[in-house]
Amino acid sequence: MRKDVALSFSRLMAEILDYVKDGADLLIENGWLEKVPEAADRQELTH
């Protein structure tokens, strides 16, 4: 692979990672991040 292409690709990947981090921070701040599925509380359902 050409060195200039590898360098451009590395810079692009670093920029993409910055956007991903910003997006994840927004999801966490606003509570939009999905939660892990939880089992229903059977006792609560019967009352």
PDB file of N, CA and C in Angstrom:
ATOM      1  N   MET A   1       0.841  -1.171   0.000  1.00  0.00           N
ATOM      2  CA  MET A   1       0.000   0.000   0.000  1.00  0.00           C
ATOM      3  C   MET A   1       0.892   1.242   0.000  1.00  0.00           C
ATOM      4  N   ARG A   2       0.446   2.239  -0.724  1.00  0.00           N
ATOM      5  CA  ARG A   2       1.207   3.481  -0.761  1.00  0.00           C
ATOM      6  C   ARG A   2       1.158   4.170   0.594  1.00  0.00           C
ATOM      7  N   LYS A   3       2.252   4.815   0.942  1.00  0.00           N
ATOM      8  CA  LYS A   3       2.351   5.461   2.254  1.00  0.00           C
ATOM      9  C   LYS A   3       1.364   6.612   2.398  1.00  0.00           C
ATOM     10  N   ASP A   4       1.148   7.371   1.323  1.00  0.00           N
ATOM     11  CA  ASP A   4       0.230   8.508   1.423  1.00  0.00           C
ATOM     12  C   ASP A   4      -1.213   8.041   1.606  1.00  0.00           C
ATOM     13  N   VAL A   5      -1.570   6.926   0.987  1.00  0.00           N
ATOM     14  CA  VAL A   5      -2.921   6.390   1.147  1.00  0.00           C
ATOM     15  C   VAL A   5      -3.104   5.874   2.573  1.00  0.00           C
ATOM     16  N   ALA A   6      -2.110   5.181   3.093  1.00  0.00           N
ATOM     17  CA  ALA A   6      -2.183   4.666   4.461  1.00  0.00           C
ATOM     18  C   ALA A   6      -2.296   5.817   5.461  1.00  0.00           C
ATOM     19  N   LEU A   7      -1.567   6.885   5.234  1.00  0.00           N
ATOM     20  CA  LEU A   7      -1.623   8.043   6.121  1.00  0.00           C
ATOM     21  C   LEU A   7      -3.000   8.703   6.062  1.00  0.00           C
ATOM     22  N   SER A   8      -3.535   8.865   4.871  1.00  0.00           N
ATOM     23  CA  SER A   8      -4.871   9.451   4.727  1.00  0.00           C
ATOM     24  C   SER A   8      -5.925   8.584   5.406  1.00  0.00           C
ATOM     25  N   PHE A   9      -5.803   7.284   5.249  1.00  0.00           N
ATOM     26  CA  PHE A   9      -6.743   6.356   5.861  1.00  0.00           C
ATOM     27  C   PHE A   9      -6.662   6.433   7.384  1.00  0.00           C
ATOM     28  N   SER A  10      -5.462   6.535   7.918  1.00  0.00           N
ATOM     29  CA  SER A  10      -5.285   6.636   9.368  1.00  0.00           C
ATOM     30  C   SER A  10      -5.907   7.915   9.912  1.00  0.00           C
ATOM     31  N   ARG A  11      -5.725   9.014   9.207  1.00  0.00           N
ATOM     32  CA  ARG A  11      -6.319  10.281   9.637  1.00  0.00           C
ATOM     33  C   ARG A  11      -7.845  10.212   9.589  1.00  0.00           C
ATOM     34  N   LEU A  12      -8.371   9.599   8.547  1.00  0.00           N
ATOM     35  CA  LEU A  12      -9.816   9.450   8.419  1.00  0.00           C
ATOM     36  C   LEU A  12     -10.383   8.606   9.561  1.00  0.00           C
ATOM     37  N   MET A  13      -9.705   7.532   9.900  1.00  0.00           N
ATOM     38  CA  MET A  13     -10.158   6.669  10.994  1.00  0.00           C
ATOM     39  C   MET A  13     -10.160   7.429  12.320  1.00  0.00           C
ATOM     40  N   ALA A  14      -9.158   8.250  12.558  1.00  0.00           N
ATOM     41  CA  ALA A  14      -9.097   9.040  13.788  1.00  0.00           C
ATOM     42  C   ALA A  14     -10.263  10.029  13.845  1.00  0.00           C
ATOM     43  N   GLU A  15     -10.583  10.645  12.711  1.00  0.00           N
ATOM     44  CA  GLU A  15     -11.700  11.592  12.660  1.00  0.00           C
ATOM     45  C   GLU A  15     -13.029  10.882  12.896  1.00  0.00           C
ATOM     46  N   ILE A  16     -13.187   9.715  12.312  1.00  0.00           N
ATOM     47  CA  ILE A  16     -14.417   8.935  12.506  1.00  0.00           C
ATOM     48  C   ILE A  16     -14.577   8.547  13.972  1.00  0.00           C
ATOM     49  N   LEU A  17     -13.493   8.157  14.615  1.00  0.00           N
ATOM     50  CA  LEU A  17     -13.558   7.785  16.027  1.00  0.00           C
ATOM     51  C   LEU A  17     -13.989   8.963  16.897  1.00  0.00           C
ATOM     52  N   ASP A  18     -13.584  10.174  16.536  1.00  0.00           N
ATOM     53  CA  ASP A  18     -14.024  11.358  17.279  1.00  0.00           C
ATOM     54  C   ASP A  18     -15.538  11.528  17.173  1.00  0.00           C
ATOM     55  N   TYR A  19     -16.086  11.340  15.961  1.00  0.00           N
ATOM     56  CA  TYR A  19     -17.530  11.452  15.772  1.00  0.00           C
ATOM     57  C   TYR A  19     -18.275  10.359  16.534  1.00  0.00           C
ATOM     58  N   VAL A  20     -17.731   9.158  16.541  1.00  0.00           N
ATOM     59  CA  VAL A  20     -18.361   8.051  17.260  1.00  0.00           C
ATOM     60  C   VAL A  20     -18.395   8.348  18.756  1.00  0.00           C
ATOM     61  N   LYS A  21     -17.304   8.862  19.285  1.00  0.00           N
ATOM     62  CA  LYS A  21     -17.257   9.194  20.719  1.00  0.00           C
ATOM     63  C   LYS A  21     -18.266  10.280  21.052  1.00  0.00           C
ATOM     64  N   ASP A  22     -18.343  11.318  20.222  1.00  0.00           N
ATOM     65  CA  ASP A  22     -19.313  12.391  20.451  1.00  0.00           C
ATOM     66  C   ASP A  22     -20.744  11.851  20.408  1.00  0.00           C
ATOM     67  N   GLY A  23     -21.011  10.973  19.458  1.00  0.00           N
ATOM     68  CA  GLY A  23     -22.345  10.383  19.351  1.00  0.00           C
ATOM     69  C   GLY A  23     -22.685   9.533  20.557  1.00  0.00           C
ATOM     70  N   ALA A  24     -21.744   8.741  21.022  1.00  0.00           N
ATOM     71  CA  ALA A  24     -21.980   7.904  22.200  1.00  0.00           C
ATOM     72  C   ALA A  24     -22.212   8.773  23.433  1.00  0.00           C
ATOM     73  N   ASP A  25     -21.467   9.856  23.562  1.00  0.00           N
ATOM     74  CA  ASP A  25     -21.664  10.767  24.696  1.00  0.00           C
ATOM     75  C   ASP A  25     -23.069  11.374  24.674  1.00  0.00           C
ATOM     76  N   LEU A  26     -23.558  11.746  23.488  1.00  0.00           N
ATOM     77  CA  LEU A  26     -24.913  12.288  23.372  1.00  0.00           C
ATOM     78  C   LEU A  26     -25.960  11.251  23.768  1.00  0.00           C
ATOM     79  N   LEU A  27     -25.770  10.023  23.317  1.00  0.00           N
ATOM     80  CA  LEU A  27     -26.716   8.962  23.660  1.00  0.00           C
ATOM     81  C   LEU A  27     -26.784   8.756  25.170  1.00  0.00           C
ATOM     82  N   ILE A  28     -25.638   8.756  25.816  1.00  0.00           N
ATOM     83  CA  ILE A  28     -25.589   8.539  27.261  1.00  0.00           C
ATOM     84  C   ILE A  28     -26.191   9.729  28.003  1.00  0.00           C
ATOM     85  N   GLU A  29     -25.842  10.941  27.602  1.00  0.00           N
ATOM     86  CA  GLU A  29     -26.348  12.145  28.272  1.00  0.00           C
ATOM     87  C   GLU A  29     -27.865  12.224  28.236  1.00  0.00           C
ATOM     88  N   ASN A  30     -28.458  11.886  27.100  1.00  0.00           N
ATOM     89  CA  ASN A  30     -29.902  12.027  26.921  1.00  0.00           C
ATOM     90  C   ASN A  30     -30.687  10.773  27.278  1.00  0.00           C
ATOM     91  N   GLY A  31     -30.002   9.734  27.708  1.00  0.00           N
ATOM     92  CA  GLY A  31     -30.691   8.505  28.085  1.00  0.00           C
ATOM     93  C   GLY A  31     -31.252   7.747  26.901  1.00  0.00           C
ATOM     94  N   TRP A  32     -30.706   7.954  25.725  1.00  0.00           N
ATOM     95  CA  TRP A  32     -31.203   7.291  24.526  1.00  0.00           C
ATOM     96  C   TRP A  32     -30.534   5.949  24.276  1.00  0.00           C
ATOM     97  N   LEU A  33     -29.492   5.668  25.016  1.00  0.00           N
ATOM     98  CA  LEU A  33     -28.769   4.420  24.823  1.00  0.00           C
ATOM     99  C   LEU A  33     -29.650   3.275  25.298  1.00  0.00           C
ATOM    100  N   GLU A  34     -29.784   2.251  24.481  1.00  0.00           N
ATOM    101  CA  GLU A  34     -30.656   1.132  24.827  1.00  0.00           C
ATOM    102  C   GLU A  34     -30.135   0.394  26.044  1.00  0.00           C
ATOM    103  N   LYS A  35     -31.065  -0.060  26.854  1.00  0.00           N
ATOM    104  CA  LYS A  35     -30.709  -0.841  28.025  1.00  0.00           C
ATOM    105  C   LYS A  35     -30.714  -2.320  27.660  1.00  0.00           C
ATOM    106  N   VAL A  36     -29.996  -3.086  28.441  1.00  0.00           N
ATOM    107  CA  VAL A  36     -29.977  -4.532  28.267  1.00  0.00           C
ATOM    108  C   VAL A  36     -31.354  -5.062  28.649  1.00  0.00           C
ATOM    109  N   PRO A  37     -31.928  -5.979  27.866  1.00  0.00           N
ATOM    110  CA  PRO A  37     -33.247  -6.518  28.214  1.00  0.00           C
ATOM    111  C   PRO A  37     -33.235  -7.143  29.604  1.00  0.00           C
ATOM    112  N   GLU A  38     -34.280  -6.867  30.348  1.00  0.00           N
ATOM    113  CA  GLU A  38     -34.392  -7.399  31.697  1.00  0.00           C
ATOM    114  C   GLU A  38     -35.606  -8.318  31.780  1.00  0.00           C
ATOM    115  N   ALA A  39     -35.538  -9.299  32.652  1.00  0.00           N
ATOM    116  CA  ALA A  39     -36.669 -10.194  32.877  1.00  0.00           C
ATOM    117  C   ALA A  39     -37.744  -9.448  33.662  1.00  0.00           C
ATOM    118  N   ALA A  40     -38.997  -9.740  33.346  1.00  0.00           N
ATOM    119  CA  ALA A  40     -40.105  -9.110  34.057  1.00  0.00           C
ATOM    120  C   ALA A  40     -40.167  -9.628  35.488  1.00  0.00           C
ATOM    121  N   ASP A  41     -40.536  -8.742  36.406  1.00  0.00           N
ATOM    122  CA  ASP A  41     -40.702  -9.129  37.807  1.00  0.00           C
ATOM    123  C   ASP A  41     -42.073  -9.788  37.940  1.00  0.00           C
ATOM    124  N   ARG A  42     -42.097 -11.089  38.073  1.00  0.00           N
ATOM    125  CA  ARG A  42     -43.357 -11.844  38.119  1.00  0.00           C
ATOM    126  C   ARG A  42     -44.223 -11.445  39.309  1.00  0.00           C
ATOM    127  N   GLN A  43     -43.615 -11.140  40.433  1.00  0.00           N
ATOM    128  CA  GLN A  43     -44.379 -10.741  41.621  1.00  0.00           C
ATOM    129  C   GLN A  43     -45.118  -9.429  41.367  1.00  0.00           C
ATOM    130  N   GLU A  44     -44.447  -8.509  40.708  1.00  0.00           N
ATOM    131  CA  GLU A  44     -45.068  -7.216  40.421  1.00  0.00           C
ATOM    132  C   GLU A  44     -46.198  -7.360  39.406  1.00  0.00           C
ATOM    133  N   LEU A  45     -46.077  -8.284  38.471  1.00  0.00           N
ATOM    134  CA  LEU A  45     -47.102  -8.477  37.454  1.00  0.00           C
ATOM    135  C   LEU A  45     -48.396  -9.044  38.037  1.00  0.00           C
ATOM    136  N   THR A  46     -48.305  -9.833  39.103  1.00  0.00           N
ATOM    137  CA  THR A  46     -49.500 -10.456  39.679  1.00  0.00           C
ATOM    138  C   THR A  46     -50.259  -9.515  40.602  1.00  0.00           C
ATOM    139  N   HIS A  47     -49.702  -8.382  40.971  1.00  0.00           N
ATOM    140  CA  HIS A  47     -50.375  -7.468  41.913  1.00  0.00           C
ATOM    141  C   HIS A  47     -50.858  -6.247  41.226  1.00  0.00           C
TER     142      HIS A  47
END
